[in-house]
Amino acid sequence: MGLIRTSASSFDVDITPGTYPMTCVGVGVVTVNVKGESKDLYEWRFIAINAEGRQVDVSGLTGLATGPKSRTWSYLVALLGPENVRVDMDFNEPDLVGRSALGTMAINQDGNLRLAALVPMPRGMAGPGIAAPAPAPQATVSPIRQQPAPQQLPAQQTVRAAVGSSDDVDDLPF
């Protein structure tokens, strides 16, 4: 195969629209030309495992905005967990490389495949070829003094206590 190979599309044909486990292999700032204007963006590079089980290089771009409503923030939360991302925190590439998430590949309005979303991996699920990151350290909790056992209620009363009166059932959101 030559240095440059043409294809029918501008995306890697080894991956199709769908959701895949992905592991971050790099993050950096790139300058792109958007409608004749240079713009700096974060480029996120991942290894995804496609439907055939092969590794595929995937990249996504996000703006330099880092507030809680930004796409960059959502990528940080997907890779590090919501408990580890707060305002006024700094992150470097080594903090992100090796972290896994689920990435959704979708076709955009121009017909190109793009990384449309990145969400956290389900707990206990490891990423492609990478062990799941160690959980964040938990605070030490003092033991609770033993309390006398509560008086047992009959099953019917227990359900009413948990649900409330029958008048409250229509107010439930489901």
N, C-alpha and C. Protein backbone atom coordinates (compact mmCIF):
# COMPACT_ATOMS: atom_id res chain seq x y z
N MET A 1 0.86 -1.18 0.00
CA MET A 1 0.00 0.00 0.00
C MET A 1 0.90 1.24 0.00
N GLY A 2 0.52 2.24 -0.76
CA GLY A 2 1.29 3.47 -0.86
C GLY A 2 1.14 4.36 0.35
N LEU A 3 1.84 5.47 0.35
CA LEU A 3 1.76 6.44 1.43
C LEU A 3 0.37 7.03 1.54
N ILE A 4 -0.24 7.33 0.41
CA ILE A 4 -1.58 7.90 0.40
C ILE A 4 -2.49 6.96 -0.38
N ARG A 5 -3.62 6.65 0.20
CA ARG A 5 -4.59 5.79 -0.48
C ARG A 5 -5.92 6.52 -0.52
N THR A 6 -6.50 6.66 -1.68
CA THR A 6 -7.78 7.35 -1.81
C THR A 6 -8.91 6.40 -1.43
N SER A 7 -10.01 6.99 -1.01
CA SER A 7 -11.18 6.17 -0.66
C SER A 7 -12.44 6.93 -1.03
N ALA A 8 -13.56 6.24 -0.94
CA ALA A 8 -14.84 6.84 -1.30
C ALA A 8 -15.33 7.82 -0.23
N SER A 9 -14.75 7.80 0.94
CA SER A 9 -15.21 8.68 2.01
C SER A 9 -14.01 9.27 2.72
N SER A 10 -14.29 10.27 3.56
CA SER A 10 -13.20 10.94 4.27
C SER A 10 -12.96 10.35 5.65
N PHE A 11 -13.62 9.22 5.96
CA PHE A 11 -13.43 8.62 7.27
C PHE A 11 -12.89 7.21 7.13
N ASP A 12 -12.38 6.69 8.23
CA ASP A 12 -11.82 5.36 8.26
C ASP A 12 -12.93 4.35 8.02
N VAL A 13 -12.85 3.58 6.93
CA VAL A 13 -13.92 2.66 6.58
C VAL A 13 -13.91 1.41 7.46
N ASP A 14 -12.97 1.30 8.38
CA ASP A 14 -12.93 0.14 9.28
C ASP A 14 -13.89 0.29 10.44
N ILE A 15 -14.59 1.40 10.52
CA ILE A 15 -15.55 1.59 11.60
C ILE A 15 -16.81 2.22 11.01
N THR A 16 -17.94 1.78 11.47
CA THR A 16 -19.23 2.24 10.96
C THR A 16 -19.99 2.94 12.07
N PRO A 17 -21.09 3.62 11.77
CA PRO A 17 -21.85 4.26 12.84
C PRO A 17 -22.23 3.25 13.92
N GLY A 18 -22.10 3.68 15.16
CA GLY A 18 -22.40 2.81 16.30
C GLY A 18 -21.63 3.27 17.52
N THR A 19 -21.76 2.53 18.61
CA THR A 19 -21.08 2.87 19.86
C THR A 19 -20.02 1.81 20.14
N TYR A 20 -18.81 2.28 20.47
CA TYR A 20 -17.66 1.41 20.63
C TYR A 20 -16.87 1.78 21.88
N PRO A 21 -16.25 0.78 22.54
CA PRO A 21 -15.31 1.11 23.61
C PRO A 21 -14.08 1.77 22.99
N MET A 22 -13.60 2.83 23.63
CA MET A 22 -12.45 3.57 23.11
C MET A 22 -11.50 3.89 24.26
N THR A 23 -10.21 3.90 23.95
CA THR A 23 -9.20 4.29 24.93
C THR A 23 -8.44 5.48 24.38
N CYS A 24 -8.30 6.51 25.21
CA CYS A 24 -7.58 7.72 24.81
C CYS A 24 -6.09 7.42 24.66
N VAL A 25 -5.51 7.82 23.52
CA VAL A 25 -4.09 7.62 23.29
C VAL A 25 -3.36 8.96 23.11
N GLY A 26 -4.11 10.06 23.14
CA GLY A 26 -3.46 11.36 23.02
C GLY A 26 -4.45 12.50 22.93
N VAL A 27 -4.01 13.67 23.40
CA VAL A 27 -4.80 14.90 23.31
C VAL A 27 -3.81 16.02 23.02
N GLY A 28 -4.16 16.90 22.11
CA GLY A 28 -3.29 18.03 21.81
C GLY A 28 -4.07 19.14 21.16
N VAL A 29 -3.43 20.29 21.02
CA VAL A 29 -4.06 21.43 20.36
C VAL A 29 -3.61 21.43 18.91
N VAL A 30 -4.58 21.56 18.00
CA VAL A 30 -4.30 21.65 16.57
C VAL A 30 -4.93 22.93 16.04
N THR A 31 -4.36 23.44 14.97
CA THR A 31 -4.93 24.61 14.30
C THR A 31 -5.55 24.14 13.00
N VAL A 32 -6.82 24.46 12.82
CA VAL A 32 -7.53 24.07 11.60
C VAL A 32 -8.04 25.33 10.91
N ASN A 33 -8.30 25.21 9.62
CA ASN A 33 -8.84 26.31 8.84
C ASN A 33 -10.34 26.09 8.71
N VAL A 34 -11.12 26.99 9.30
CA VAL A 34 -12.57 26.91 9.25
C VAL A 34 -13.08 28.14 8.51
N LYS A 35 -13.61 27.93 7.30
CA LYS A 35 -14.15 29.01 6.48
C LYS A 35 -13.15 30.16 6.31
N GLY A 36 -11.90 29.80 6.04
CA GLY A 36 -10.87 30.80 5.79
C GLY A 36 -10.25 31.40 7.04
N GLU A 37 -10.64 30.94 8.21
CA GLU A 37 -10.12 31.47 9.46
C GLU A 37 -9.43 30.36 10.26
N SER A 38 -8.25 30.65 10.79
CA SER A 38 -7.53 29.68 11.61
C SER A 38 -8.18 29.60 12.99
N LYS A 39 -8.33 28.37 13.46
CA LYS A 39 -8.97 28.16 14.75
C LYS A 39 -8.24 27.04 15.50
N ASP A 40 -7.92 27.27 16.77
CA ASP A 40 -7.30 26.25 17.60
C ASP A 40 -8.38 25.38 18.23
N LEU A 41 -8.17 24.08 18.19
CA LEU A 41 -9.09 23.11 18.77
C LEU A 41 -8.30 22.03 19.49
N TYR A 42 -8.96 21.32 20.40
CA TYR A 42 -8.36 20.13 20.99
C TYR A 42 -8.63 18.96 20.05
N GLU A 43 -7.58 18.20 19.75
CA GLU A 43 -7.75 16.96 19.00
C GLU A 43 -7.58 15.81 19.98
N TRP A 44 -8.60 14.97 20.08
CA TRP A 44 -8.61 13.81 20.96
C TRP A 44 -8.40 12.58 20.09
N ARG A 45 -7.39 11.76 20.42
CA ARG A 45 -7.10 10.56 19.64
C ARG A 45 -7.41 9.32 20.49
N PHE A 46 -8.10 8.37 19.88
CA PHE A 46 -8.54 7.16 20.57
C PHE A 46 -8.21 5.92 19.74
N ILE A 47 -8.13 4.80 20.42
CA ILE A 47 -8.15 3.49 19.77
C ILE A 47 -9.52 2.90 20.10
N ALA A 48 -10.26 2.54 19.07
CA ALA A 48 -11.58 1.91 19.23
C ALA A 48 -11.46 0.46 18.79
N ILE A 49 -12.34 -0.37 19.30
CA ILE A 49 -12.43 -1.74 18.86
C ILE A 49 -13.69 -1.86 18.00
N ASN A 50 -13.51 -2.16 16.70
CA ASN A 50 -14.67 -2.19 15.80
C ASN A 50 -15.45 -3.49 15.96
N ALA A 51 -16.50 -3.64 15.17
CA ALA A 51 -17.39 -4.80 15.28
C ALA A 51 -16.67 -6.13 15.02
N GLU A 52 -15.57 -6.10 14.28
CA GLU A 52 -14.79 -7.32 14.01
C GLU A 52 -13.73 -7.57 15.07
N GLY A 53 -13.64 -6.66 16.06
CA GLY A 53 -12.65 -6.83 17.13
C GLY A 53 -11.29 -6.25 16.80
N ARG A 54 -11.18 -5.51 15.70
CA ARG A 54 -9.89 -4.90 15.32
C ARG A 54 -9.76 -3.49 15.89
N GLN A 55 -8.52 -3.09 16.17
CA GLN A 55 -8.26 -1.73 16.66
C GLN A 55 -8.32 -0.75 15.50
N VAL A 56 -9.00 0.37 15.74
CA VAL A 56 -9.15 1.41 14.73
C VAL A 56 -8.81 2.76 15.37
N ASP A 57 -8.03 3.57 14.67
CA ASP A 57 -7.73 4.93 15.14
C ASP A 57 -8.94 5.82 14.91
N VAL A 58 -9.34 6.55 15.93
CA VAL A 58 -10.46 7.48 15.85
C VAL A 58 -10.00 8.80 16.45
N SER A 59 -10.42 9.90 15.87
CA SER A 59 -10.11 11.19 16.48
C SER A 59 -11.36 12.06 16.49
N GLY A 60 -11.38 12.97 17.44
CA GLY A 60 -12.48 13.92 17.54
C GLY A 60 -11.93 15.29 17.90
N LEU A 61 -12.65 16.32 17.52
CA LEU A 61 -12.23 17.69 17.81
C LEU A 61 -13.22 18.34 18.76
N THR A 62 -12.70 19.12 19.71
CA THR A 62 -13.55 19.93 20.57
C THR A 62 -12.96 21.32 20.63
N GLY A 63 -13.79 22.28 20.96
CA GLY A 63 -13.32 23.65 21.11
C GLY A 63 -12.47 23.79 22.36
N LEU A 64 -11.84 24.95 22.51
CA LEU A 64 -11.01 25.22 23.68
C LEU A 64 -11.82 25.65 24.89
N ALA A 65 -13.12 25.86 24.71
CA ALA A 65 -13.98 26.20 25.85
C ALA A 65 -14.02 25.00 26.79
N THR A 66 -13.96 25.26 28.10
CA THR A 66 -13.88 24.16 29.06
C THR A 66 -14.92 24.23 30.16
N GLY A 67 -15.96 25.04 29.98
CA GLY A 67 -16.99 25.15 31.00
C GLY A 67 -17.86 23.90 31.05
N PRO A 68 -18.71 23.80 32.10
CA PRO A 68 -19.54 22.60 32.29
C PRO A 68 -20.49 22.26 31.13
N LYS A 69 -20.79 23.21 30.27
CA LYS A 69 -21.69 22.92 29.14
C LYS A 69 -20.92 22.62 27.85
N SER A 70 -19.60 22.62 27.91
CA SER A 70 -18.80 22.43 26.71
C SER A 70 -18.61 20.95 26.38
N ARG A 71 -18.28 20.71 25.13
CA ARG A 71 -17.98 19.34 24.66
C ARG A 71 -16.69 18.84 25.32
N THR A 72 -15.72 19.74 25.51
CA THR A 72 -14.47 19.35 26.17
C THR A 72 -14.76 18.84 27.57
N TRP A 73 -15.61 19.53 28.31
CA TRP A 73 -15.98 19.10 29.67
C TRP A 73 -16.59 17.70 29.61
N SER A 74 -17.48 17.45 28.63
CA SER A 74 -18.12 16.14 28.55
C SER A 74 -17.10 15.04 28.27
N TYR A 75 -16.07 15.33 27.48
CA TYR A 75 -15.01 14.35 27.23
C TYR A 75 -14.23 14.08 28.52
N LEU A 76 -13.91 15.14 29.28
CA LEU A 76 -13.20 14.95 30.54
C LEU A 76 -14.01 14.09 31.51
N VAL A 77 -15.31 14.38 31.61
CA VAL A 77 -16.18 13.60 32.50
C VAL A 77 -16.24 12.15 32.04
N ALA A 78 -16.34 11.93 30.73
CA ALA A 78 -16.40 10.56 30.21
C ALA A 78 -15.14 9.77 30.55
N LEU A 79 -14.00 10.43 30.48
CA LEU A 79 -12.74 9.73 30.72
C LEU A 79 -12.36 9.64 32.20
N LEU A 80 -12.69 10.66 32.98
CA LEU A 80 -12.23 10.71 34.38
C LEU A 80 -13.32 10.45 35.41
N GLY A 81 -14.58 10.55 35.00
CA GLY A 81 -15.70 10.39 35.93
C GLY A 81 -16.15 11.75 36.44
N PRO A 82 -17.46 11.90 36.66
CA PRO A 82 -17.99 13.21 37.06
C PRO A 82 -17.47 13.68 38.42
N GLU A 83 -17.12 12.75 39.27
CA GLU A 83 -16.62 13.14 40.59
C GLU A 83 -15.20 13.71 40.54
N ASN A 84 -14.53 13.56 39.39
CA ASN A 84 -13.14 14.01 39.27
C ASN A 84 -12.96 15.23 38.38
N VAL A 85 -14.06 15.84 37.95
CA VAL A 85 -13.98 17.03 37.09
C VAL A 85 -14.80 18.14 37.73
N ARG A 86 -14.11 19.22 38.10
CA ARG A 86 -14.77 20.37 38.70
C ARG A 86 -14.16 21.65 38.10
N VAL A 87 -14.84 22.76 38.29
CA VAL A 87 -14.36 24.05 37.78
C VAL A 87 -13.00 24.37 38.42
N ASP A 88 -12.14 25.03 37.66
CA ASP A 88 -10.81 25.47 38.08
C ASP A 88 -9.83 24.33 38.34
N MET A 89 -9.99 23.21 37.62
CA MET A 89 -9.03 22.11 37.70
C MET A 89 -8.20 22.11 36.43
N ASP A 90 -6.97 21.63 36.53
CA ASP A 90 -6.07 21.51 35.39
C ASP A 90 -5.88 20.03 35.07
N PHE A 91 -5.82 19.72 33.78
CA PHE A 91 -5.57 18.35 33.33
C PHE A 91 -4.50 18.39 32.25
N ASN A 92 -3.63 17.40 32.26
CA ASN A 92 -2.59 17.25 31.26
C ASN A 92 -2.82 15.95 30.50
N GLU A 93 -2.15 15.81 29.36
CA GLU A 93 -2.32 14.62 28.54
C GLU A 93 -2.11 13.33 29.33
N PRO A 94 -1.08 13.22 30.20
CA PRO A 94 -0.91 11.97 30.96
C PRO A 94 -2.10 11.63 31.87
N ASP A 95 -2.88 12.64 32.28
CA ASP A 95 -4.07 12.38 33.10
C ASP A 95 -5.14 11.65 32.30
N LEU A 96 -5.10 11.76 30.97
CA LEU A 96 -6.17 11.27 30.11
C LEU A 96 -5.79 10.03 29.30
N VAL A 97 -4.53 9.91 28.93
CA VAL A 97 -4.08 8.77 28.13
C VAL A 97 -4.25 7.48 28.93
N GLY A 98 -4.82 6.48 28.27
CA GLY A 98 -5.07 5.19 28.91
C GLY A 98 -6.45 5.08 29.54
N ARG A 99 -7.18 6.18 29.60
CA ARG A 99 -8.54 6.18 30.14
C ARG A 99 -9.51 5.76 29.04
N SER A 100 -10.55 5.03 29.43
CA SER A 100 -11.50 4.51 28.45
C SER A 100 -12.88 5.10 28.62
N ALA A 101 -13.63 5.11 27.52
CA ALA A 101 -15.01 5.59 27.50
C ALA A 101 -15.72 4.90 26.34
N LEU A 102 -17.02 5.10 26.25
CA LEU A 102 -17.77 4.61 25.09
C LEU A 102 -17.96 5.77 24.14
N GLY A 103 -17.57 5.58 22.89
CA GLY A 103 -17.70 6.63 21.89
C GLY A 103 -18.74 6.25 20.85
N THR A 104 -19.57 7.21 20.50
CA THR A 104 -20.59 6.98 19.48
C THR A 104 -20.15 7.64 18.18
N MET A 105 -20.03 6.84 17.15
CA MET A 105 -19.70 7.32 15.81
C MET A 105 -21.00 7.52 15.05
N ALA A 106 -21.16 8.69 14.42
CA ALA A 106 -22.38 9.00 13.68
C ALA A 106 -22.02 9.76 12.42
N ILE A 107 -22.89 9.73 11.45
CA ILE A 107 -22.69 10.46 10.20
C ILE A 107 -23.26 11.85 10.36
N ASN A 108 -22.44 12.87 10.08
CA ASN A 108 -22.90 14.25 10.22
C ASN A 108 -23.68 14.70 8.98
N GLN A 109 -24.11 15.96 8.98
CA GLN A 109 -24.93 16.47 7.87
C GLN A 109 -24.19 16.52 6.55
N ASP A 110 -22.86 16.49 6.58
CA ASP A 110 -22.07 16.48 5.35
C ASP A 110 -21.82 15.06 4.84
N GLY A 111 -22.31 14.05 5.57
CA GLY A 111 -22.12 12.66 5.17
C GLY A 111 -20.83 12.04 5.66
N ASN A 112 -20.13 12.72 6.57
CA ASN A 112 -18.87 12.21 7.10
C ASN A 112 -19.10 11.58 8.47
N LEU A 113 -18.33 10.55 8.75
CA LEU A 113 -18.40 9.90 10.05
C LEU A 113 -17.61 10.71 11.05
N ARG A 114 -18.19 10.93 12.23
CA ARG A 114 -17.50 11.72 13.25
C ARG A 114 -17.78 11.13 14.62
N LEU A 115 -16.93 11.46 15.57
CA LEU A 115 -17.14 11.07 16.95
C LEU A 115 -18.20 12.02 17.50
N ALA A 116 -19.43 11.52 17.66
CA ALA A 116 -20.57 12.36 18.04
C ALA A 116 -20.71 12.53 19.53
N ALA A 117 -20.31 11.53 20.31
CA ALA A 117 -20.48 11.61 21.76
C ALA A 117 -19.48 10.68 22.43
N LEU A 118 -19.13 11.03 23.65
CA LEU A 118 -18.25 10.22 24.48
C LEU A 118 -18.88 10.17 25.85
N VAL A 119 -19.13 8.96 26.35
CA VAL A 119 -19.76 8.79 27.67
C VAL A 119 -18.92 7.83 28.50
N PRO A 120 -19.06 7.92 29.84
CA PRO A 120 -18.26 7.02 30.69
C PRO A 120 -18.55 5.54 30.42
N MET A 121 -17.54 4.72 30.64
CA MET A 121 -17.72 3.27 30.56
C MET A 121 -18.61 2.85 31.72
N PRO A 122 -19.46 1.84 31.52
CA PRO A 122 -20.22 1.32 32.66
C PRO A 122 -19.25 0.80 33.72
N ARG A 123 -19.61 0.96 34.98
CA ARG A 123 -18.73 0.49 36.06
C ARG A 123 -18.45 -0.99 35.89
N GLY A 124 -17.19 -1.36 36.06
CA GLY A 124 -16.79 -2.75 35.94
C GLY A 124 -16.44 -3.19 34.53
N MET A 125 -16.68 -2.34 33.54
CA MET A 125 -16.36 -2.68 32.16
C MET A 125 -15.04 -2.02 31.79
N ALA A 126 -14.08 -2.82 31.34
CA ALA A 126 -12.77 -2.28 30.96
C ALA A 126 -12.80 -1.84 29.51
N GLY A 127 -11.92 -0.94 29.16
CA GLY A 127 -11.83 -0.46 27.79
C GLY A 127 -11.05 -1.44 26.93
N PRO A 128 -10.82 -1.09 25.67
CA PRO A 128 -10.14 -1.98 24.74
C PRO A 128 -8.68 -2.22 25.10
N GLY A 129 -8.42 -3.37 25.68
CA GLY A 129 -7.04 -3.75 25.98
C GLY A 129 -6.41 -3.00 27.13
N ILE A 130 -7.17 -2.18 27.82
CA ILE A 130 -6.65 -1.38 28.92
C ILE A 130 -7.47 -1.70 30.16
N ALA A 131 -6.82 -1.92 31.28
CA ALA A 131 -7.56 -2.18 32.51
C ALA A 131 -8.33 -0.93 32.91
N ALA A 132 -9.48 -1.11 33.51
CA ALA A 132 -10.28 0.03 33.98
C ALA A 132 -9.47 0.81 35.00
N PRO A 133 -9.57 2.15 35.00
CA PRO A 133 -8.81 2.94 35.96
C PRO A 133 -9.24 2.61 37.38
N ALA A 134 -8.29 2.74 38.29
CA ALA A 134 -8.59 2.49 39.70
C ALA A 134 -9.63 3.49 40.17
N PRO A 135 -10.56 3.06 41.01
CA PRO A 135 -11.56 4.01 41.49
C PRO A 135 -10.90 5.09 42.33
N ALA A 136 -11.54 6.25 42.37
CA ALA A 136 -11.03 7.37 43.17
C ALA A 136 -11.03 6.97 44.64
N PRO A 137 -10.06 7.45 45.41
CA PRO A 137 -10.02 7.09 46.82
C PRO A 137 -11.29 7.56 47.53
N GLN A 138 -11.78 6.74 48.43
CA GLN A 138 -12.98 7.05 49.18
C GLN A 138 -12.60 7.60 50.55
N ALA A 139 -13.43 8.50 51.05
CA ALA A 139 -13.19 9.06 52.38
C ALA A 139 -13.38 7.98 53.43
N THR A 140 -12.59 8.06 54.49
CA THR A 140 -12.74 7.11 55.59
C THR A 140 -13.95 7.52 56.41
N VAL A 141 -14.77 6.54 56.74
CA VAL A 141 -15.99 6.80 57.49
C VAL A 141 -15.85 6.18 58.87
N SER A 142 -16.20 6.95 59.88
CA SER A 142 -16.15 6.43 61.24
C SER A 142 -17.25 5.40 61.43
N PRO A 143 -16.98 4.37 62.24
CA PRO A 143 -18.03 3.38 62.47
C PRO A 143 -19.20 4.02 63.21
N ILE A 144 -20.39 3.56 62.89
CA ILE A 144 -21.61 4.08 63.52
C ILE A 144 -21.90 3.24 64.76
N ARG A 145 -22.29 3.93 65.81
CA ARG A 145 -22.67 3.19 67.02
C ARG A 145 -23.86 2.32 66.69
N GLN A 146 -23.86 1.16 67.25
CA GLN A 146 -24.95 0.23 67.00
C GLN A 146 -26.23 0.75 67.64
N GLN A 147 -27.29 0.80 66.86
CA GLN A 147 -28.60 1.24 67.31
C GLN A 147 -29.48 0.02 67.52
N PRO A 148 -30.46 0.11 68.43
CA PRO A 148 -31.38 -1.02 68.58
C PRO A 148 -32.14 -1.25 67.27
N ALA A 149 -32.45 -2.49 66.98
CA ALA A 149 -33.18 -2.83 65.75
C ALA A 149 -34.55 -2.19 65.77
N PRO A 150 -35.00 -1.64 64.61
CA PRO A 150 -36.33 -1.03 64.57
C PRO A 150 -37.40 -2.11 64.70
N GLN A 151 -38.54 -1.69 65.18
CA GLN A 151 -39.66 -2.61 65.32
C GLN A 151 -40.14 -3.01 63.94
N GLN A 152 -40.34 -4.30 63.71
CA GLN A 152 -40.79 -4.79 62.42
C GLN A 152 -42.25 -4.44 62.18
N LEU A 153 -42.55 -3.94 60.98
CA LEU A 153 -43.92 -3.64 60.59
C LEU A 153 -44.42 -4.76 59.70
N PRO A 154 -45.72 -5.02 59.70
CA PRO A 154 -46.26 -5.99 58.75
C PRO A 154 -45.97 -5.52 57.32
N ALA A 155 -45.86 -6.45 56.38
CA ALA A 155 -45.48 -6.14 55.00
C ALA A 155 -46.37 -5.08 54.38
N GLN A 156 -47.68 -5.14 54.58
CA GLN A 156 -48.60 -4.18 53.97
C GLN A 156 -48.31 -2.77 54.48
N GLN A 157 -48.05 -2.60 55.75
CA GLN A 157 -47.73 -1.28 56.30
C GLN A 157 -46.40 -0.79 55.78
N THR A 158 -45.43 -1.67 55.58
CA THR A 158 -44.13 -1.27 55.07
C THR A 158 -44.28 -0.67 53.67
N VAL A 159 -45.08 -1.29 52.81
CA VAL A 159 -45.29 -0.77 51.46
C VAL A 159 -45.95 0.59 51.51
N ARG A 160 -46.97 0.76 52.33
CA ARG A 160 -47.64 2.06 52.44
C ARG A 160 -46.66 3.12 52.93
N ALA A 161 -45.80 2.75 53.85
CA ALA A 161 -44.84 3.72 54.38
C ALA A 161 -43.87 4.14 53.28
N ALA A 162 -43.48 3.21 52.41
CA ALA A 162 -42.52 3.53 51.36
C ALA A 162 -43.17 4.32 50.23
N VAL A 163 -44.42 4.01 49.88
CA VAL A 163 -45.09 4.65 48.76
C VAL A 163 -45.89 5.86 49.18
N GLY A 164 -46.43 5.85 50.35
CA GLY A 164 -47.30 6.92 50.81
C GLY A 164 -48.74 6.50 50.61
N SER A 165 -49.64 7.42 50.75
CA SER A 165 -51.06 7.09 50.59
C SER A 165 -51.37 6.84 49.13
N SER A 166 -52.49 6.20 48.87
CA SER A 166 -52.87 5.89 47.49
C SER A 166 -53.14 7.17 46.70
N ASP A 167 -53.42 8.28 47.36
CA ASP A 167 -53.63 9.55 46.67
C ASP A 167 -52.34 10.06 46.03
N ASP A 168 -51.16 9.67 46.60
CA ASP A 168 -49.88 10.14 46.10
C ASP A 168 -49.42 9.42 44.82
N VAL A 169 -50.03 8.26 44.51
CA VAL A 169 -49.57 7.47 43.38
C VAL A 169 -49.70 8.22 42.07
N ASP A 170 -50.75 9.03 41.88
CA ASP A 170 -50.91 9.77 40.62
C ASP A 170 -49.85 10.84 40.44
N ASP A 171 -49.13 11.23 41.48
CA ASP A 171 -48.12 12.25 41.38
C ASP A 171 -46.74 11.70 41.01
N LEU A 172 -46.60 10.37 40.90
CA LEU A 172 -45.31 9.79 40.58
C LEU A 172 -44.92 10.13 39.15
N PRO A 173 -43.65 10.38 38.88
CA PRO A 173 -43.22 10.82 37.55
C PRO A 173 -43.14 9.70 36.53
N PHE A 174 -43.55 8.48 36.84
CA PHE A 174 -43.47 7.37 35.87
C PHE A 174 -44.76 6.62 35.76
